N, C-alpha and C. Protein backbone atom coordinates (compact mmCIF):
# COMPACT_ATOMS: atom_id res chain seq x y z
N MET A 1 -12.17 -53.99 -17.11
CA MET A 1 -12.50 -52.57 -16.85
C MET A 1 -13.19 -52.49 -18.08
N SER A 2 -14.77 -52.23 -17.99
CA SER A 2 -14.92 -51.76 -19.53
C SER A 2 -14.68 -50.46 -19.96
N THR A 3 -15.11 -50.13 -21.09
CA THR A 3 -15.06 -48.84 -21.70
C THR A 3 -15.49 -47.85 -20.75
N ILE A 4 -17.08 -48.36 -20.57
CA ILE A 4 -17.67 -47.16 -19.76
C ILE A 4 -17.25 -46.98 -18.57
N GLY A 5 -16.85 -48.30 -17.81
CA GLY A 5 -16.12 -48.11 -16.46
C GLY A 5 -15.03 -47.28 -16.68
N THR A 6 -14.22 -47.28 -17.83
CA THR A 6 -12.75 -46.41 -17.39
C THR A 6 -13.13 -44.92 -17.80
N GLY A 7 -14.12 -45.07 -18.80
CA GLY A 7 -14.75 -43.24 -18.97
C GLY A 7 -14.82 -42.78 -17.76
N ALA A 8 -15.80 -43.36 -16.98
CA ALA A 8 -16.34 -43.03 -15.95
C ALA A 8 -15.24 -42.64 -14.81
N THR A 9 -14.66 -43.26 -14.55
CA THR A 9 -13.44 -43.25 -13.80
C THR A 9 -12.59 -42.02 -14.10
N ILE A 10 -12.45 -41.66 -15.33
CA ILE A 10 -11.80 -40.67 -15.79
C ILE A 10 -12.08 -39.63 -15.46
N VAL A 11 -13.95 -39.32 -15.74
CA VAL A 11 -14.63 -38.36 -15.64
C VAL A 11 -14.48 -37.87 -13.94
N CYS A 12 -14.78 -39.23 -13.18
CA CYS A 12 -14.72 -38.89 -11.85
C CYS A 12 -13.51 -38.04 -11.58
N ILE A 13 -12.06 -38.79 -11.72
CA ILE A 13 -10.72 -38.34 -11.41
C ILE A 13 -10.89 -36.60 -11.77
N TRP A 14 -11.25 -36.46 -13.06
CA TRP A 14 -11.16 -35.04 -13.87
C TRP A 14 -12.12 -34.05 -12.74
N ASN A 15 -13.15 -34.56 -12.59
CA ASN A 15 -14.20 -33.67 -11.55
C ASN A 15 -13.24 -33.48 -10.19
N THR A 16 -12.81 -34.38 -9.59
CA THR A 16 -12.40 -34.36 -8.34
C THR A 16 -10.98 -33.46 -8.31
N TYR A 17 -10.27 -33.52 -9.63
CA TYR A 17 -9.26 -32.66 -9.95
C TYR A 17 -9.54 -31.16 -9.98
N ASN A 18 -10.73 -31.09 -10.55
CA ASN A 18 -10.93 -29.56 -10.97
C ASN A 18 -11.67 -29.13 -9.69
N ALA A 19 -12.60 -29.93 -8.98
CA ALA A 19 -12.60 -29.53 -7.47
C ALA A 19 -11.83 -29.10 -6.36
N LEU A 20 -10.54 -29.66 -6.26
CA LEU A 20 -9.37 -29.56 -6.01
C LEU A 20 -8.65 -28.09 -6.12
N GLN A 21 -8.55 -28.18 -7.56
CA GLN A 21 -7.76 -26.79 -7.80
C GLN A 21 -8.96 -25.43 -7.42
N ILE A 22 -10.12 -26.04 -7.60
CA ILE A 22 -11.07 -24.31 -6.90
C ILE A 22 -10.92 -24.17 -5.77
N MET A 23 -10.88 -25.32 -4.51
CA MET A 23 -10.58 -25.29 -3.31
C MET A 23 -9.42 -24.94 -3.30
N SER A 24 -8.29 -25.20 -3.84
CA SER A 24 -6.80 -24.57 -3.92
C SER A 24 -6.83 -22.91 -3.97
N GLU A 25 -7.52 -22.85 -5.19
CA GLU A 25 -7.69 -21.25 -5.51
C GLU A 25 -8.36 -20.24 -4.49
N SER A 26 -9.59 -20.93 -3.81
CA SER A 26 -10.03 -20.70 -2.81
C SER A 26 -9.57 -20.34 -1.41
N ARG A 27 -8.59 -21.31 -1.38
CA ARG A 27 -7.77 -21.33 0.09
C ARG A 27 -6.57 -20.34 -0.18
N THR A 28 -5.97 -20.12 -1.21
CA THR A 28 -5.52 -19.15 -1.58
C THR A 28 -5.84 -17.98 -1.26
N ASN A 29 -6.94 -17.81 -2.01
CA ASN A 29 -7.74 -16.14 -1.75
C ASN A 29 -7.76 -15.90 -0.37
N ASN A 30 -8.39 -16.79 0.42
CA ASN A 30 -8.72 -16.94 2.00
C ASN A 30 -7.40 -16.83 2.69
N LEU A 31 -6.60 -17.05 2.54
CA LEU A 31 -5.28 -16.93 3.24
C LEU A 31 -4.67 -15.56 2.92
N LEU A 32 -4.37 -15.58 1.85
CA LEU A 32 -4.09 -13.86 1.29
C LEU A 32 -4.69 -13.00 2.29
N GLY A 33 -6.26 -12.95 2.20
CA GLY A 33 -6.75 -12.13 2.89
C GLY A 33 -6.59 -12.14 4.26
N ALA A 34 -6.54 -13.22 4.86
CA ALA A 34 -6.00 -13.19 6.18
C ALA A 34 -4.82 -12.43 6.60
N MET A 35 -3.90 -12.85 5.97
CA MET A 35 -2.55 -12.50 5.76
C MET A 35 -2.23 -10.91 5.88
N VAL A 36 -3.18 -10.36 4.93
CA VAL A 36 -3.34 -8.78 4.84
C VAL A 36 -4.09 -8.19 5.52
N THR A 37 -5.07 -8.67 6.21
CA THR A 37 -5.53 -8.09 7.56
C THR A 37 -4.25 -8.03 8.86
N CYS A 38 -3.59 -9.39 8.77
CA CYS A 38 -2.87 -9.10 10.15
C CYS A 38 -1.56 -8.47 9.82
N VAL A 39 -1.16 -8.50 8.81
CA VAL A 39 0.03 -7.20 8.71
C VAL A 39 -0.70 -5.91 8.55
N ASN A 40 -1.47 -5.40 8.35
CA ASN A 40 -2.20 -4.47 8.36
C ASN A 40 -2.65 -3.97 9.72
N ASP A 41 -3.22 -4.68 10.47
CA ASP A 41 -3.36 -4.63 11.90
C ASP A 41 -1.92 -4.37 12.42
N SER A 42 -0.85 -5.18 12.40
CA SER A 42 0.28 -5.07 12.99
C SER A 42 1.07 -3.83 12.45
N ILE A 43 0.90 -3.30 11.40
CA ILE A 43 1.44 -2.06 11.13
C ILE A 43 0.60 -0.78 11.58
N SER A 44 -0.65 -1.06 11.70
CA SER A 44 -1.35 -0.08 12.42
C SER A 44 -0.95 0.39 14.09
N ALA A 45 -0.86 -0.91 14.33
CA ALA A 45 -0.50 -1.02 16.02
C ALA A 45 0.89 -0.43 16.35
N ALA A 46 1.86 -0.86 15.15
CA ALA A 46 3.20 -0.52 15.43
C ALA A 46 3.32 1.09 15.26
N THR A 47 2.85 1.62 14.20
CA THR A 47 2.64 3.07 13.82
C THR A 47 2.23 3.58 14.86
N GLN A 48 0.83 3.47 15.21
CA GLN A 48 0.58 4.34 16.34
C GLN A 48 0.77 4.42 17.47
N ALA A 49 2.01 3.41 17.66
CA ALA A 49 2.48 3.28 18.97
C ALA A 49 3.50 4.54 19.10
N VAL A 50 3.79 4.96 18.19
CA VAL A 50 4.75 6.05 17.77
C VAL A 50 4.08 7.45 17.73
N LEU A 51 2.68 7.35 17.79
CA LEU A 51 1.92 8.67 17.55
C LEU A 51 1.02 8.58 19.10
N THR A 52 0.67 10.10 19.11
CA THR A 52 -0.51 10.40 20.02
C THR A 52 -1.76 10.14 19.40
N MET A 53 -1.88 9.95 18.02
CA MET A 53 -2.77 9.94 17.05
C MET A 53 -3.43 9.10 16.85
N GLN A 54 -4.79 8.69 16.51
CA GLN A 54 -5.44 7.67 15.89
C GLN A 54 -5.33 7.96 14.33
N GLY A 55 -6.12 6.91 13.57
CA GLY A 55 -6.85 6.56 12.22
C GLY A 55 -5.36 6.87 11.19
N GLU A 56 -5.46 8.17 10.29
CA GLU A 56 -5.01 8.20 8.93
C GLU A 56 -3.46 8.85 9.30
N ALA A 57 -3.22 9.32 10.65
CA ALA A 57 -2.08 10.25 11.00
C ALA A 57 -0.93 9.87 10.37
N ALA A 58 -0.70 8.50 10.69
CA ALA A 58 1.18 8.03 10.58
C ALA A 58 0.74 8.17 8.41
N ALA A 59 -0.47 8.08 8.08
CA ALA A 59 -0.28 7.64 6.50
C ALA A 59 0.04 9.05 5.96
N ALA A 60 -0.96 9.99 6.64
CA ALA A 60 -0.56 11.12 6.35
C ALA A 60 1.05 12.12 6.21
N ILE A 61 1.60 11.79 7.27
CA ILE A 61 2.89 12.35 7.78
C ILE A 61 3.77 11.66 6.65
N VAL A 62 3.64 10.40 6.51
CA VAL A 62 4.73 9.73 5.19
C VAL A 62 3.84 10.35 4.11
N THR A 63 3.04 10.52 3.68
CA THR A 63 2.59 10.60 2.45
C THR A 63 3.44 12.28 2.36
N ILE A 64 2.73 13.05 2.87
CA ILE A 64 3.51 14.19 2.86
C ILE A 64 5.22 14.47 2.91
N GLY A 65 5.48 13.93 3.96
CA GLY A 65 6.91 13.75 3.72
C GLY A 65 7.51 13.03 2.33
N ASN A 66 6.84 12.21 1.75
CA ASN A 66 7.19 11.53 0.30
C ASN A 66 6.92 12.77 -0.60
N ASN A 67 5.87 13.26 -0.42
CA ASN A 67 5.46 14.25 -1.47
C ASN A 67 5.44 15.44 -0.87
N PRO A 68 5.97 16.43 -0.74
CA PRO A 68 6.33 17.74 -0.24
C PRO A 68 5.99 18.57 -1.18
N GLY A 69 4.87 19.55 -0.46
CA GLY A 69 4.59 20.46 -1.34
C GLY A 69 3.16 20.65 -2.31
N GLN A 70 2.61 19.32 -1.96
CA GLN A 70 1.42 18.85 -2.32
C GLN A 70 0.07 19.42 -1.47
N SER A 71 -1.14 19.66 -2.47
CA SER A 71 -2.25 20.55 -1.99
C SER A 71 -3.18 19.58 -0.62
N ILE A 72 -3.99 19.97 -0.09
CA ILE A 72 -4.81 19.40 1.05
C ILE A 72 -5.85 18.53 -0.04
N SER A 73 -6.23 18.76 -1.11
CA SER A 73 -7.13 18.14 -1.79
C SER A 73 -6.40 16.62 -2.62
N TRP A 74 -5.20 17.06 -2.94
CA TRP A 74 -4.63 16.12 -3.13
C TRP A 74 -4.03 14.95 -2.07
N LEU A 75 -3.83 15.44 -0.79
CA LEU A 75 -3.75 14.64 0.28
C LEU A 75 -4.97 13.78 0.64
N SER A 76 -6.08 14.65 0.70
CA SER A 76 -7.30 13.77 0.66
C SER A 76 -7.69 12.94 -0.11
N LYS A 77 -7.42 13.05 -1.47
CA LYS A 77 -7.42 11.76 -2.41
C LYS A 77 -6.42 10.83 -2.12
N ALA A 78 -5.21 10.91 -1.77
CA ALA A 78 -4.54 9.98 -1.17
C ALA A 78 -4.66 9.11 -0.11
N LEU A 79 -5.32 9.74 0.94
CA LEU A 79 -5.82 9.18 2.27
C LEU A 79 -7.33 8.27 1.84
N ASN A 80 -7.92 8.75 1.10
CA ASN A 80 -9.18 8.39 0.84
C ASN A 80 -10.11 8.82 1.96
N LEU A 81 -9.87 10.06 2.45
CA LEU A 81 -10.68 10.78 3.11
C LEU A 81 -11.43 12.13 2.13
N SER A 82 -12.23 12.47 3.34
CA SER A 82 -13.17 13.80 2.65
C SER A 82 -11.95 15.15 3.00
N HIS A 83 -12.45 16.20 2.17
CA HIS A 83 -11.76 17.11 2.18
C HIS A 83 -11.50 17.72 3.84
N PRO A 84 -13.09 18.08 4.48
CA PRO A 84 -13.29 18.35 5.72
C PRO A 84 -12.20 17.65 6.69
N GLY A 85 -12.71 16.14 6.27
CA GLY A 85 -11.70 15.38 7.07
C GLY A 85 -10.32 15.37 7.07
N THR A 86 -9.72 15.67 5.97
CA THR A 86 -8.09 15.69 6.13
C THR A 86 -7.57 17.06 6.89
N VAL A 87 -8.65 18.16 6.27
CA VAL A 87 -8.41 19.54 6.96
C VAL A 87 -8.30 19.27 8.83
N ARG A 88 -9.33 18.67 9.46
CA ARG A 88 -9.09 18.35 10.83
C ARG A 88 -7.88 17.36 11.32
N LEU A 89 -7.72 16.45 10.19
CA LEU A 89 -6.62 15.44 10.38
C LEU A 89 -5.07 16.59 10.47
N LEU A 90 -5.25 17.24 9.48
CA LEU A 90 -4.03 18.04 9.15
C LEU A 90 -3.93 19.12 10.74
N ASP A 91 -4.95 19.75 11.03
CA ASP A 91 -5.17 20.49 12.47
C ASP A 91 -4.65 20.05 13.38
N ARG A 92 -4.71 18.61 13.45
CA ARG A 92 -4.62 17.63 15.02
C ARG A 92 -2.82 17.64 14.51
N ILE A 93 -2.43 17.14 13.40
CA ILE A 93 -1.01 16.93 12.88
C ILE A 93 0.00 18.52 13.61
N ALA A 94 -0.75 19.25 13.09
CA ALA A 94 -0.22 20.69 13.22
C ALA A 94 0.06 20.99 14.76
N GLU A 95 -0.64 20.71 15.62
CA GLU A 95 -0.81 20.94 16.66
C GLU A 95 0.17 20.23 17.40
N GLU A 96 0.69 19.27 16.85
CA GLU A 96 2.17 18.37 17.57
C GLU A 96 3.22 19.23 16.76
N SER A 97 3.10 20.05 15.79
CA SER A 97 4.20 20.93 15.16
C SER A 97 5.06 20.17 14.21
N LEU A 98 4.07 18.93 13.35
CA LEU A 98 4.77 17.75 12.80
C LEU A 98 4.57 18.45 11.52
N VAL A 99 3.88 19.31 10.96
CA VAL A 99 3.26 19.81 9.62
C VAL A 99 3.23 20.98 9.76
N GLU A 100 3.49 22.20 8.48
CA GLU A 100 3.10 23.32 7.87
C GLU A 100 2.51 23.47 6.78
N ARG A 101 1.45 24.77 7.09
CA ARG A 101 0.92 24.84 5.60
C ARG A 101 1.35 26.42 5.24
N SER A 102 1.92 26.22 3.92
CA SER A 102 2.12 27.56 3.39
C SER A 102 1.38 27.79 1.90
N ARG A 103 1.08 29.01 1.63
CA ARG A 103 0.51 29.47 0.58
C ARG A 103 1.74 29.39 -0.73
N THR A 104 1.13 28.71 -1.70
CA THR A 104 2.11 28.60 -2.91
C THR A 104 1.91 29.81 -3.78
N ALA A 105 3.29 29.89 -4.35
CA ALA A 105 3.38 31.53 -4.99
C ALA A 105 2.69 31.62 -6.62
N ALA A 106 2.27 30.16 -7.02
CA ALA A 106 1.61 30.11 -8.36
C ALA A 106 -0.20 30.34 -7.85
N ASP A 107 -0.76 29.89 -6.42
CA ASP A 107 -2.11 30.29 -6.23
C ASP A 107 -2.05 30.40 -4.98
N GLY A 108 -2.11 31.79 -4.42
CA GLY A 108 -2.32 32.44 -2.72
C GLY A 108 -3.25 31.33 -2.26
N ARG A 109 -4.35 30.87 -2.88
CA ARG A 109 -5.57 30.23 -1.75
C ARG A 109 -5.19 28.72 -1.48
N THR A 110 -3.57 28.14 -2.30
CA THR A 110 -4.05 26.81 -1.78
C THR A 110 -2.72 26.63 -1.34
N ALA A 111 -3.16 25.91 -0.06
CA ALA A 111 -2.17 25.61 0.74
C ALA A 111 -0.91 24.40 0.56
N ALA A 112 0.31 24.64 0.47
CA ALA A 112 1.10 23.51 -0.09
C ALA A 112 1.70 22.69 1.51
N LEU A 113 1.70 22.01 1.33
CA LEU A 113 2.17 21.03 2.85
C LEU A 113 3.34 20.48 2.91
N HIS A 114 4.16 20.71 4.29
CA HIS A 114 5.55 20.51 3.92
C HIS A 114 5.66 19.81 5.89
N LEU A 115 6.37 18.84 5.69
CA LEU A 115 6.85 18.34 7.02
C LEU A 115 7.86 19.47 7.86
N THR A 116 7.44 19.71 9.09
CA THR A 116 8.76 20.32 9.73
C THR A 116 9.63 19.28 10.32
N PRO A 117 10.99 20.02 10.73
CA PRO A 117 12.21 18.98 11.23
C PRO A 117 11.46 18.06 11.91
N LYS A 118 10.73 18.50 13.35
CA LYS A 118 10.41 17.43 14.01
C LYS A 118 9.35 16.65 13.16
N GLY A 119 8.77 17.07 12.18
CA GLY A 119 7.78 15.85 11.21
C GLY A 119 8.67 15.03 10.70
N ARG A 120 9.81 15.29 10.22
CA ARG A 120 10.68 14.24 9.27
C ARG A 120 10.88 13.49 10.54
N GLN A 121 11.29 13.72 11.41
CA GLN A 121 12.03 12.71 12.59
C GLN A 121 10.59 11.90 13.11
N ARG A 122 9.67 12.30 13.09
CA ARG A 122 8.25 11.48 13.36
C ARG A 122 8.21 10.28 12.43
N MET A 123 8.18 10.69 10.83
CA MET A 123 8.09 10.14 9.94
C MET A 123 9.17 8.89 10.08
N ALA A 124 10.16 9.46 9.89
CA ALA A 124 11.33 8.39 10.07
C ALA A 124 10.72 7.53 11.26
N SER A 125 10.35 7.45 12.25
CA SER A 125 10.08 6.67 13.64
C SER A 125 9.06 5.89 13.15
N ILE A 126 7.94 6.63 12.22
CA ILE A 126 6.93 5.65 11.72
C ILE A 126 7.24 4.26 10.66
N LEU A 127 8.15 4.97 9.91
CA LEU A 127 8.58 4.11 9.02
C LEU A 127 9.34 2.84 9.49
N ARG A 128 10.19 3.12 10.58
CA ARG A 128 10.87 2.18 11.23
C ARG A 128 10.02 1.13 12.48
N ALA A 129 8.73 1.80 12.81
CA ALA A 129 7.86 1.09 13.44
C ALA A 129 7.03 0.09 12.18
N ARG A 130 7.05 0.76 11.18
CA ARG A 130 6.26 0.14 10.09
C ARG A 130 7.04 -1.17 9.46
N ARG A 131 8.02 -1.18 9.35
CA ARG A 131 9.24 -2.12 9.05
C ARG A 131 9.04 -3.36 10.20
N LYS A 132 8.87 -3.06 11.51
CA LYS A 132 9.23 -4.14 12.40
C LYS A 132 7.75 -4.82 12.39
N GLY A 133 6.47 -3.77 11.87
CA GLY A 133 5.37 -4.30 11.83
C GLY A 133 5.14 -5.58 11.05
N ILE A 134 6.09 -5.50 9.90
CA ILE A 134 5.84 -6.56 8.68
C ILE A 134 7.47 -7.63 8.80
N ASP A 135 8.00 -7.29 9.85
CA ASP A 135 9.15 -8.03 9.91
C ASP A 135 8.62 -9.39 10.51
N ARG A 136 7.67 -9.79 11.84
CA ARG A 136 7.53 -10.67 12.05
C ARG A 136 6.70 -11.87 10.89
N ALA A 137 5.71 -10.88 10.06
CA ALA A 137 5.35 -12.20 8.93
C ALA A 137 6.54 -12.70 7.91
N LEU A 138 7.53 -11.67 7.74
CA LEU A 138 8.79 -12.12 6.73
C LEU A 138 9.71 -12.98 7.19
N GLY A 139 9.91 -12.72 8.86
CA GLY A 139 10.78 -13.83 9.60
C GLY A 139 10.25 -15.44 9.06
N ALA A 140 9.62 -15.26 9.05
CA ALA A 140 8.84 -17.01 9.05
C ALA A 140 9.80 -17.66 7.33
N LEU A 141 10.13 -16.66 6.62
CA LEU A 141 10.42 -16.96 5.18
C LEU A 141 12.58 -16.36 5.14
N SER A 142 13.10 -17.76 4.35
CA SER A 142 14.27 -17.55 4.08
C SER A 142 14.61 -16.38 2.93
N ALA A 143 16.06 -15.86 3.23
CA ALA A 143 16.57 -14.81 2.16
C ALA A 143 15.62 -15.24 0.61
N THR A 144 15.77 -16.36 0.23
CA THR A 144 15.64 -16.65 -1.17
C THR A 144 14.16 -16.55 -1.19
N GLU A 145 13.42 -17.14 -0.07
CA GLU A 145 12.00 -17.01 -0.07
C GLU A 145 11.48 -15.57 -0.09
N GLN A 146 12.28 -14.74 0.67
CA GLN A 146 11.62 -12.93 0.49
C GLN A 146 11.96 -12.85 -0.83
N ARG A 147 13.33 -12.75 -1.25
CA ARG A 147 13.27 -12.44 -2.96
C ARG A 147 12.14 -13.13 -3.49
N GLN A 148 11.92 -14.40 -3.99
CA GLN A 148 10.75 -14.93 -4.57
C GLN A 148 9.43 -14.15 -4.44
N LEU A 149 9.20 -13.74 -2.84
CA LEU A 149 7.92 -13.03 -2.76
C LEU A 149 7.87 -11.95 -3.11
N CYS A 150 9.06 -11.01 -3.16
CA CYS A 150 9.51 -9.81 -3.71
C CYS A 150 8.86 -9.69 -5.06
N VAL A 151 9.53 -10.62 -5.85
CA VAL A 151 8.91 -10.95 -7.39
C VAL A 151 7.24 -10.77 -7.23
N LEU A 152 6.98 -11.66 -6.66
CA LEU A 152 5.28 -12.10 -6.87
C LEU A 152 4.46 -11.20 -6.48
N ILE A 153 5.05 -10.18 -5.37
CA ILE A 153 4.21 -9.09 -4.71
C ILE A 153 4.48 -8.08 -5.90
N GLU A 154 5.64 -7.51 -6.69
CA GLU A 154 5.68 -6.53 -7.71
C GLU A 154 4.62 -6.92 -8.89
N ARG A 155 4.41 -8.55 -8.93
CA ARG A 155 3.45 -8.55 -10.14
C ARG A 155 2.24 -8.46 -9.63
N MET A 156 1.76 -8.65 -8.51
CA MET A 156 0.44 -8.18 -8.11
C MET A 156 0.21 -6.80 -7.86
N LEU A 157 1.08 -6.17 -7.42
CA LEU A 157 0.74 -4.42 -7.44
C LEU A 157 0.98 -4.10 -9.30
N THR A 158 1.67 -4.41 -9.89
CA THR A 158 1.28 -3.91 -11.09
C THR A 158 0.23 -4.28 -11.43
N ASN A 159 -0.40 -5.62 -11.34
CA ASN A 159 -1.75 -5.77 -11.92
C ASN A 159 -2.86 -4.91 -11.31
N MET A 160 -2.63 -4.31 -10.00
CA MET A 160 -3.68 -3.32 -9.29
C MET A 160 -3.78 -1.99 -9.55
N SER A 161 -2.82 -1.53 -9.84
CA SER A 161 -1.89 -0.53 -9.86
C SER A 161 -3.02 0.80 -11.21
N ASN A 162 -3.05 1.81 -11.10
CA ASN A 162 -3.78 3.03 -12.01
C ASN A 162 -3.85 4.30 -11.37
N ASP A 163 -3.73 4.85 -12.11
CA ASP A 163 -3.23 6.25 -11.57
C ASP A 163 -4.45 7.04 -10.58
N GLU A 164 -5.85 6.17 -10.57
CA GLU A 164 -6.74 6.80 -9.67
C GLU A 164 -6.38 6.07 -8.07
N VAL A 165 -5.66 4.89 -7.84
CA VAL A 165 -5.19 4.65 -6.62
C VAL A 165 -3.72 4.68 -6.17
N ALA A 166 -2.94 4.99 -7.18
CA ALA A 166 -1.55 4.78 -7.36
C ALA A 166 -0.86 5.50 -5.48
N ASP A 167 -1.19 6.63 -5.55
CA ASP A 167 -0.99 7.49 -4.43
C ASP A 167 -1.61 6.80 -3.13
N SER A 168 -2.64 6.20 -3.68
CA SER A 168 -3.19 5.62 -2.19
C SER A 168 -2.68 4.43 -1.78
N MET A 169 -2.06 3.52 -2.96
CA MET A 169 -1.44 2.73 -2.49
C MET A 169 0.07 2.72 -1.54
N CYS A 170 0.65 3.95 -2.33
CA CYS A 170 1.65 4.05 -1.33
C CYS A 170 2.14 4.99 -0.68
N ARG A 171 0.46 5.45 0.17
CA ARG A 171 0.68 6.57 0.84
C ARG A 171 1.50 6.13 2.78
N LEU A 172 2.02 4.75 2.90
CA LEU A 172 3.02 4.81 4.13
C LEU A 172 4.11 4.16 3.42
N CYS A 173 4.76 4.19 2.42
CA CYS A 173 5.60 3.61 1.45
C CYS A 173 7.03 4.16 2.21
N GLU A 174 7.93 3.33 2.07
CA GLU A 174 9.52 3.91 2.77
C GLU A 174 10.13 4.11 1.24
N GLU A 175 10.13 5.13 0.83
CA GLU A 175 10.53 5.56 -0.36
C GLU A 175 11.95 5.43 -0.81
N SER A 176 12.87 5.50 0.25
CA SER A 176 14.40 5.30 0.34
C SER A 176 14.55 3.59 -0.12
N VAL A 177 13.71 2.59 -0.02
CA VAL A 177 14.04 1.45 -0.38
C VAL A 177 13.32 1.12 -1.50
N CYS A 178 12.74 1.98 -2.10
CA CYS A 178 11.42 1.72 -3.10
C CYS A 178 11.37 2.95 -4.19
N PRO A 179 12.48 3.66 -4.65
CA PRO A 179 12.56 4.97 -5.11
C PRO A 179 11.35 4.64 -6.37
N GLN A 180 10.90 5.79 -6.74
CA GLN A 180 10.15 5.98 -8.26
C GLN A 180 10.69 5.42 -9.46
N ASN A 181 12.22 5.11 -9.86
CA ASN A 181 12.08 4.44 -10.58
C ASN A 181 12.24 2.84 -10.81
N THR A 182 12.13 2.75 -9.30
CA THR A 182 11.98 1.01 -9.22
C THR A 182 10.71 0.70 -8.90
N CYS A 183 9.85 1.56 -8.33
CA CYS A 183 8.35 1.04 -7.59
C CYS A 183 7.54 0.35 -8.83
N PRO A 184 6.88 -0.60 -8.16
CA PRO A 184 6.24 -1.34 -9.70
C PRO A 184 4.71 -0.31 -9.73
N VAL A 185 4.61 0.27 -8.62
CA VAL A 185 3.25 0.99 -8.98
C VAL A 185 3.28 2.21 -9.85
N THR A 186 4.39 2.81 -9.31
CA THR A 186 4.84 4.19 -10.33
C THR A 186 4.76 3.72 -11.81
N GLN A 187 5.89 2.83 -12.03
CA GLN A 187 6.30 1.74 -13.32
C GLN A 187 4.73 1.58 -14.13
N ALA A 188 3.98 0.67 -13.37
CA ALA A 188 2.81 0.24 -13.99
C ALA A 188 2.19 1.26 -14.85
N CYS A 189 1.88 2.54 -13.87
CA CYS A 189 0.79 3.71 -14.33
C CYS A 189 1.72 4.14 -15.63
N ALA A 190 2.94 4.37 -15.64
CA ALA A 190 3.44 5.15 -16.37
C ALA A 190 3.65 4.32 -17.70
N THR A 191 3.61 2.86 -17.59
CA THR A 191 3.77 1.90 -19.06
C THR A 191 2.00 2.26 -19.46
N ARG A 192 1.06 2.05 -18.57
CA ARG A 192 -0.53 2.15 -19.28
C ARG A 192 -0.63 3.97 -19.79
N ARG A 193 -0.24 4.97 -19.12
CA ARG A 193 -0.07 6.25 -19.80
C ARG A 193 0.30 6.18 -21.28
N SER A 194 1.59 5.25 -21.17
CA SER A 194 2.09 5.55 -22.66
C SER A 194 1.42 4.56 -23.29
N GLY A 195 0.92 3.67 -23.06
CA GLY A 195 0.20 2.74 -23.82
C GLY A 195 -1.29 3.41 -24.16
N GLU A 196 -1.69 4.23 -23.86
CA GLU A 196 -2.97 4.55 -23.96
C GLU A 196 -2.73 6.10 -24.94
N SER A 197 -1.42 6.76 -24.72
CA SER A 197 -1.22 7.79 -25.87
C SER A 197 -0.92 7.40 -27.02
N GLN A 198 -0.34 5.77 -27.48
CA GLN A 198 -0.03 5.72 -28.43
C GLN A 198 -1.41 4.92 -29.43
N ARG A 199 -2.39 4.92 -28.74
CA ARG A 199 -3.59 4.29 -29.62
C ARG A 199 -4.22 5.56 -30.45
């Protein structure tokens, strides 16, 4: 084979390799999107099955349970809802005797949110349902593969975390298995704040 022919072959192979790499990355991106959609739908169906309410009710209950005493404005940001929308959602949850609003000592105009005993029971039911909604996907992996996946997910969450979205990212979290001192979202935000303060 001539030098020209060899060079052309190498270029062809290299272009094919690059095309396959791009296709592989695009496929990974697409499959991850499909997986996220599927898991989200499964979680929504599972959690709403234990509630009589739709929408962000489950996330609101879990978020309040994980962050007792927070304000309506804080919850609104965590749920990505407008303030009026959050108030209406809280009204529906309160009708079920799941949440209570009390005035704070520091500011009598601000309502502090807490779950009632019934609300804490409902939170536990929601988290059990959420876990079942995810188990079907994880059931395809061995214990070793699940540990490997955990490491990869931690890296991905770390990369996506910042103070603006942290509370929203964790709005349905089961904090008993991912406490603040090991949460990749919390740790990533703390690391970023530390780095910014040292500049």
